[in-house]
Amino acid sequence: MILNGLTSIMQDPNTANQGDLIFKLDQDRAWLLENLDKGKWTEIRSELAALERKISKLIISVQENNVDI
């Protein structure tokens, strides 16, 4: 039963696109965090750190709740 549900989810192009989008967004979030940790963009660090946290919360919410975006 789970396998059938998984197969139908993987065949749904919207779900696949959402997964790709979340994956890319997480990569960008990680890149942003890495560069912030290296000391880049000191003049806007707090704003970018807040953005990184919001992106992280969005990703976690989507993954935990299987939310369509």
PDB file of N, CA and C in Angstrom:
ATOM      1  N   MET A   1       0.822  -1.187   0.000  1.00  0.00           N
ATOM      2  CA  MET A   1       0.000   0.000   0.000  1.00  0.00           C
ATOM      3  C   MET A   1       0.866   1.249   0.000  1.00  0.00           C
ATOM      4  N   ILE A   2       1.854   1.327   0.868  1.00  0.00           N
ATOM      5  CA  ILE A   2       2.752   2.475   0.917  1.00  0.00           C
ATOM      6  C   ILE A   2       3.505   2.613  -0.393  1.00  0.00           C
ATOM      7  N   LEU A   3       3.938   1.495  -0.945  1.00  0.00           N
ATOM      8  CA  LEU A   3       4.675   1.535  -2.208  1.00  0.00           C
ATOM      9  C   LEU A   3       3.817   2.107  -3.322  1.00  0.00           C
ATOM     10  N   ASN A   4       2.546   1.730  -3.377  1.00  0.00           N
ATOM     11  CA  ASN A   4       1.652   2.278  -4.393  1.00  0.00           C
ATOM     12  C   ASN A   4       1.490   3.779  -4.224  1.00  0.00           C
ATOM     13  N   GLY A   5       1.344   4.238  -2.997  1.00  0.00           N
ATOM     14  CA  GLY A   5       1.233   5.668  -2.740  1.00  0.00           C
ATOM     15  C   GLY A   5       2.496   6.406  -3.127  1.00  0.00           C
ATOM     16  N   LEU A   6       3.640   5.819  -2.808  1.00  0.00           N
ATOM     17  CA  LEU A   6       4.912   6.425  -3.162  1.00  0.00           C
ATOM     18  C   LEU A   6       5.081   6.490  -4.670  1.00  0.00           C
ATOM     19  N   THR A   7       4.687   5.435  -5.353  1.00  0.00           N
ATOM     20  CA  THR A   7       4.788   5.413  -6.805  1.00  0.00           C
ATOM     21  C   THR A   7       3.927   6.499  -7.423  1.00  0.00           C
ATOM     22  N   SER A   8       2.714   6.682  -6.917  1.00  0.00           N
ATOM     23  CA  SER A   8       1.847   7.714  -7.477  1.00  0.00           C
ATOM     24  C   SER A   8       2.382   9.102  -7.167  1.00  0.00           C
ATOM     25  N   ILE A   9       2.967   9.280  -6.009  1.00  0.00           N
ATOM     26  CA  ILE A   9       3.565  10.573  -5.675  1.00  0.00           C
ATOM     27  C   ILE A   9       4.729  10.866  -6.607  1.00  0.00           C
ATOM     28  N   MET A  10       5.574   9.878  -6.849  1.00  0.00           N
ATOM     29  CA  MET A  10       6.746  10.088  -7.700  1.00  0.00           C
ATOM     30  C   MET A  10       6.344  10.338  -9.148  1.00  0.00           C
ATOM     31  N   GLN A  11       5.179   9.850  -9.565  1.00  0.00           N
ATOM     32  CA  GLN A  11       4.731  10.069 -10.932  1.00  0.00           C
ATOM     33  C   GLN A  11       4.054  11.426 -11.100  1.00  0.00           C
ATOM     34  N   ASP A  12       3.649  12.051 -10.018  1.00  0.00           N
ATOM     35  CA  ASP A  12       3.000  13.354 -10.078  1.00  0.00           C
ATOM     36  C   ASP A  12       4.066  14.414 -10.340  1.00  0.00           C
ATOM     37  N   PRO A  13       4.027  15.081 -11.492  1.00  0.00           N
ATOM     38  CA  PRO A  13       5.070  16.058 -11.820  1.00  0.00           C
ATOM     39  C   PRO A  13       5.107  17.228 -10.845  1.00  0.00           C
ATOM     40  N   ASN A  14       3.966  17.603 -10.269  1.00  0.00           N
ATOM     41  CA  ASN A  14       3.973  18.700  -9.306  1.00  0.00           C
ATOM     42  C   ASN A  14       4.739  18.329  -8.049  1.00  0.00           C
ATOM     43  N   THR A  15       4.580  17.096  -7.600  1.00  0.00           N
ATOM     44  CA  THR A  15       5.311  16.636  -6.419  1.00  0.00           C
ATOM     45  C   THR A  15       6.803  16.560  -6.710  1.00  0.00           C
ATOM     46  N   ALA A  16       7.154  16.045  -7.882  1.00  0.00           N
ATOM     47  CA  ALA A  16       8.571  15.955  -8.252  1.00  0.00           C
ATOM     48  C   ALA A  16       9.171  17.344  -8.352  1.00  0.00           C
ATOM     49  N   ASN A  17       8.446  18.273  -8.949  1.00  0.00           N
ATOM     50  CA  ASN A  17       8.943  19.641  -9.058  1.00  0.00           C
ATOM     51  C   ASN A  17       9.086  20.276  -7.684  1.00  0.00           C
ATOM     52  N   GLN A  18       8.142  19.992  -6.791  1.00  0.00           N
ATOM     53  CA  GLN A  18       8.222  20.529  -5.439  1.00  0.00           C
ATOM     54  C   GLN A  18       9.456  19.980  -4.732  1.00  0.00           C
ATOM     55  N   GLY A  19       9.707  18.683  -4.893  1.00  0.00           N
ATOM     56  CA  GLY A  19      10.889  18.089  -4.275  1.00  0.00           C
ATOM     57  C   GLY A  19      12.167  18.705  -4.804  1.00  0.00           C
ATOM     58  N   ASP A  20      12.218  18.926  -6.108  1.00  0.00           N
ATOM     59  CA  ASP A  20      13.389  19.574  -6.707  1.00  0.00           C
ATOM     60  C   ASP A  20      13.557  20.993  -6.173  1.00  0.00           C
ATOM     61  N   LEU A  21      12.448  21.702  -6.069  1.00  0.00           N
ATOM     62  CA  LEU A  21      12.492  23.079  -5.578  1.00  0.00           C
ATOM     63  C   LEU A  21      12.994  23.134  -4.140  1.00  0.00           C
ATOM     64  N   ILE A  22      12.472  22.250  -3.296  1.00  0.00           N
ATOM     65  CA  ILE A  22      12.905  22.217  -1.900  1.00  0.00           C
ATOM     66  C   ILE A  22      14.381  21.837  -1.807  1.00  0.00           C
ATOM     67  N   PHE A  23      14.819  20.895  -2.623  1.00  0.00           N
ATOM     68  CA  PHE A  23      16.227  20.495  -2.631  1.00  0.00           C
ATOM     69  C   PHE A  23      17.118  21.675  -3.011  1.00  0.00           C
ATOM     70  N   LYS A  24      16.744  22.384  -4.066  1.00  0.00           N
ATOM     71  CA  LYS A  24      17.539  23.540  -4.516  1.00  0.00           C
ATOM     72  C   LYS A  24      17.511  24.657  -3.484  1.00  0.00           C
ATOM     73  N   LEU A  25      16.355  24.882  -2.899  1.00  0.00           N
ATOM     74  CA  LEU A  25      16.237  25.910  -1.870  1.00  0.00           C
ATOM     75  C   LEU A  25      17.128  25.579  -0.678  1.00  0.00           C
ATOM     76  N   ASP A  26      17.185  24.313  -0.302  1.00  0.00           N
ATOM     77  CA  ASP A  26      18.041  23.907   0.815  1.00  0.00           C
ATOM     78  C   ASP A  26      19.516  24.073   0.468  1.00  0.00           C
ATOM     79  N   GLN A  27      19.876  23.797  -0.770  1.00  0.00           N
ATOM     80  CA  GLN A  27      21.265  24.025  -1.194  1.00  0.00           C
ATOM     81  C   GLN A  27      21.618  25.507  -1.111  1.00  0.00           C
ATOM     82  N   ASP A  28      20.721  26.353  -1.567  1.00  0.00           N
ATOM     83  CA  ASP A  28      20.963  27.796  -1.498  1.00  0.00           C
ATOM     84  C   ASP A  28      21.034  28.284  -0.054  1.00  0.00           C
ATOM     85  N   ARG A  29      20.166  27.721   0.803  1.00  0.00           N
ATOM     86  CA  ARG A  29      20.192  28.078   2.216  1.00  0.00           C
ATOM     87  C   ARG A  29      21.526  27.699   2.853  1.00  0.00           C
ATOM     88  N   ALA A  30      22.017  26.514   2.518  1.00  0.00           N
ATOM     89  CA  ALA A  30      23.297  26.052   3.057  1.00  0.00           C
ATOM     90  C   ALA A  30      24.441  26.931   2.567  1.00  0.00           C
ATOM     91  N   TRP A  31      24.389  27.331   1.293  1.00  0.00           N
ATOM     92  CA  TRP A  31      25.419  28.217   0.735  1.00  0.00           C
ATOM     93  C   TRP A  31      25.404  29.566   1.452  1.00  0.00           C
ATOM     94  N   LEU A  32      24.207  30.090   1.680  1.00  0.00           N
ATOM     95  CA  LEU A  32      24.073  31.359   2.384  1.00  0.00           C
ATOM     96  C   LEU A  32      24.647  31.259   3.790  1.00  0.00           C
ATOM     97  N   LEU A  33      24.291  30.200   4.506  1.00  0.00           N
ATOM     98  CA  LEU A  33      24.787  30.011   5.869  1.00  0.00           C
ATOM     99  C   LEU A  33      26.305  29.868   5.889  1.00  0.00           C
ATOM    100  N   GLU A  34      26.838  29.104   4.960  1.00  0.00           N
ATOM    101  CA  GLU A  34      28.293  28.919   4.886  1.00  0.00           C
ATOM    102  C   GLU A  34      29.001  30.258   4.685  1.00  0.00           C
ATOM    103  N   ASN A  35      28.485  31.075   3.802  1.00  0.00           N
ATOM    104  CA  ASN A  35      29.113  32.365   3.542  1.00  0.00           C
ATOM    105  C   ASN A  35      28.937  33.335   4.698  1.00  0.00           C
ATOM    106  N   LEU A  36      27.803  33.265   5.368  1.00  0.00           N
ATOM    107  CA  LEU A  36      27.626  34.093   6.562  1.00  0.00           C
ATOM    108  C   LEU A  36      28.628  33.689   7.637  1.00  0.00           C
ATOM    109  N   ASP A  37      28.840  32.378   7.794  1.00  0.00           N
ATOM    110  CA  ASP A  37      29.805  31.882   8.778  1.00  0.00           C
ATOM    111  C   ASP A  37      31.227  32.293   8.437  1.00  0.00           C
ATOM    112  N   LYS A  38      31.496  32.529   7.154  1.00  0.00           N
ATOM    113  CA  LYS A  38      32.822  32.970   6.720  1.00  0.00           C
ATOM    114  C   LYS A  38      33.007  34.477   6.903  1.00  0.00           C
ATOM    115  N   GLY A  39      31.946  35.168   7.309  1.00  0.00           N
ATOM    116  CA  GLY A  39      32.052  36.590   7.580  1.00  0.00           C
ATOM    117  C   GLY A  39      31.691  37.494   6.415  1.00  0.00           C
ATOM    118  N   LYS A  40      31.075  36.957   5.401  1.00  0.00           N
ATOM    119  CA  LYS A  40      30.686  37.793   4.261  1.00  0.00           C
ATOM    120  C   LYS A  40      29.465  38.632   4.613  1.00  0.00           C
ATOM    121  N   TRP A  41      29.315  39.717   3.913  1.00  0.00           N
ATOM    122  CA  TRP A  41      28.156  40.607   3.995  1.00  0.00           C
ATOM    123  C   TRP A  41      27.888  41.087   5.429  1.00  0.00           C
ATOM    124  N   THR A  42      28.913  41.558   6.087  1.00  0.00           N
ATOM    125  CA  THR A  42      28.770  41.979   7.487  1.00  0.00           C
ATOM    126  C   THR A  42      27.731  43.076   7.669  1.00  0.00           C
ATOM    127  N   GLU A  43      27.586  43.952   6.676  1.00  0.00           N
ATOM    128  CA  GLU A  43      26.655  45.078   6.823  1.00  0.00           C
ATOM    129  C   GLU A  43      25.186  44.643   6.802  1.00  0.00           C
ATOM    130  N   ILE A  44      24.904  43.477   6.247  1.00  0.00           N
ATOM    131  CA  ILE A  44      23.518  42.979   6.222  1.00  0.00           C
ATOM    132  C   ILE A  44      23.415  41.567   6.806  1.00  0.00           C
ATOM    133  N   ARG A  45      24.371  41.222   7.650  1.00  0.00           N
ATOM    134  CA  ARG A  45      24.432  39.871   8.208  1.00  0.00           C
ATOM    135  C   ARG A  45      23.169  39.487   8.959  1.00  0.00           C
ATOM    136  N   SER A  46      22.671  40.373   9.800  1.00  0.00           N
ATOM    137  CA  SER A  46      21.506  40.011  10.619  1.00  0.00           C
ATOM    138  C   SER A  46      20.270  39.765   9.754  1.00  0.00           C
ATOM    139  N   GLU A  47      20.094  40.550   8.698  1.00  0.00           N
ATOM    140  CA  GLU A  47      18.954  40.353   7.802  1.00  0.00           C
ATOM    141  C   GLU A  47      19.074  39.030   7.044  1.00  0.00           C
ATOM    142  N   LEU A  48      20.285  38.723   6.574  1.00  0.00           N
ATOM    143  CA  LEU A  48      20.495  37.476   5.843  1.00  0.00           C
ATOM    144  C   LEU A  48      20.371  36.262   6.764  1.00  0.00           C
ATOM    145  N   ALA A  49      20.818  36.405   8.000  1.00  0.00           N
ATOM    146  CA  ALA A  49      20.677  35.306   8.965  1.00  0.00           C
ATOM    147  C   ALA A  49      19.190  35.048   9.251  1.00  0.00           C
ATOM    148  N   ALA A  50      18.413  36.118   9.359  1.00  0.00           N
ATOM    149  CA  ALA A  50      16.974  35.962   9.572  1.00  0.00           C
ATOM    150  C   ALA A  50      16.329  35.281   8.358  1.00  0.00           C
ATOM    151  N   LEU A  51      16.761  35.659   7.165  1.00  0.00           N
ATOM    152  CA  LEU A  51      16.253  35.020   5.951  1.00  0.00           C
ATOM    153  C   LEU A  51      16.595  33.532   5.935  1.00  0.00           C
ATOM    154  N   GLU A  52      17.819  33.189   6.301  1.00  0.00           N
ATOM    155  CA  GLU A  52      18.240  31.783   6.333  1.00  0.00           C
ATOM    156  C   GLU A  52      17.378  30.997   7.299  1.00  0.00           C
ATOM    157  N   ARG A  53      17.080  31.562   8.461  1.00  0.00           N
ATOM    158  CA  ARG A  53      16.237  30.869   9.446  1.00  0.00           C
ATOM    159  C   ARG A  53      14.817  30.661   8.910  1.00  0.00           C
ATOM    160  N   LYS A  54      14.278  31.662   8.233  1.00  0.00           N
ATOM    161  CA  LYS A  54      12.933  31.536   7.672  1.00  0.00           C
ATOM    162  C   LYS A  54      12.895  30.467   6.584  1.00  0.00           C
ATOM    163  N   ILE A  55      13.912  30.432   5.751  1.00  0.00           N
ATOM    164  CA  ILE A  55      13.987  29.409   4.704  1.00  0.00           C
ATOM    165  C   ILE A  55      14.075  28.029   5.341  1.00  0.00           C
ATOM    166  N   SER A  56      14.885  27.906   6.374  1.00  0.00           N
ATOM    167  CA  SER A  56      15.034  26.628   7.064  1.00  0.00           C
ATOM    168  C   SER A  56      13.706  26.170   7.653  1.00  0.00           C
ATOM    169  N   LYS A  57      12.977  27.078   8.286  1.00  0.00           N
ATOM    170  CA  LYS A  57      11.678  26.737   8.870  1.00  0.00           C
ATOM    171  C   LYS A  57      10.688  26.316   7.788  1.00  0.00           C
ATOM    172  N   LEU A  58      10.718  26.999   6.647  1.00  0.00           N
ATOM    173  CA  LEU A  58       9.839  26.638   5.539  1.00  0.00           C
ATOM    174  C   LEU A  58      10.134  25.225   5.050  1.00  0.00           C
ATOM    175  N   ILE A  59      11.405  24.930   4.864  1.00  0.00           N
ATOM    176  CA  ILE A  59      11.810  23.604   4.388  1.00  0.00           C
ATOM    177  C   ILE A  59      11.372  22.521   5.370  1.00  0.00           C
ATOM    178  N   ILE A  60      11.611  22.748   6.641  1.00  0.00           N
ATOM    179  CA  ILE A  60      11.221  21.775   7.665  1.00  0.00           C
ATOM    180  C   ILE A  60       9.708  21.583   7.673  1.00  0.00           C
ATOM    181  N   SER A  61       8.964  22.671   7.595  1.00  0.00           N
ATOM    182  CA  SER A  61       7.511  22.587   7.582  1.00  0.00           C
ATOM    183  C   SER A  61       6.998  21.791   6.402  1.00  0.00           C
ATOM    184  N   VAL A  62       7.551  22.050   5.231  1.00  0.00           N
ATOM    185  CA  VAL A  62       7.130  21.331   4.035  1.00  0.00           C
ATOM    186  C   VAL A  62       7.449  19.852   4.171  1.00  0.00           C
ATOM    187  N   GLN A  63       8.636  19.541   4.658  1.00  0.00           N
ATOM    188  CA  GLN A  63       9.035  18.142   4.787  1.00  0.00           C
ATOM    189  C   GLN A  63       8.224  17.403   5.839  1.00  0.00           C
ATOM    190  N   GLU A  64       7.956  18.047   6.953  1.00  0.00           N
ATOM    191  CA  GLU A  64       7.214  17.393   8.045  1.00  0.00           C
ATOM    192  C   GLU A  64       5.751  17.221   7.717  1.00  0.00           C
ATOM    193  N   ASN A  65       5.178  18.182   7.056  1.00  0.00           N
ATOM    194  CA  ASN A  65       3.737  18.187   6.821  1.00  0.00           C
ATOM    195  C   ASN A  65       3.347  17.824   5.402  1.00  0.00           C
ATOM    196  N   ASN A  66       4.354  17.563   4.572  1.00  0.00           N
ATOM    197  CA  ASN A  66       4.102  17.260   3.175  1.00  0.00           C
ATOM    198  C   ASN A  66       3.177  18.308   2.557  1.00  0.00           C
ATOM    199  N   VAL A  67       3.509  19.566   2.827  1.00  0.00           N
ATOM    200  CA  VAL A  67       2.701  20.704   2.383  1.00  0.00           C
ATOM    201  C   VAL A  67       2.990  20.990   0.928  1.00  0.00           C
ATOM    202  N   ASP A  68       1.943  21.214   0.154  1.00  0.00           N
ATOM    203  CA  ASP A  68       2.123  21.660  -1.226  1.00  0.00           C
ATOM    204  C   ASP A  68       2.383  23.157  -1.207  1.00  0.00           C
ATOM    205  N   ILE A  69       3.392  23.571  -1.967  1.00  0.00           N
ATOM    206  CA  ILE A  69       3.688  24.994  -2.045  1.00  0.00           C
ATOM    207  C   ILE A  69       3.429  25.493  -3.438  1.00  0.00           C
TER     208      ILE A  69
END
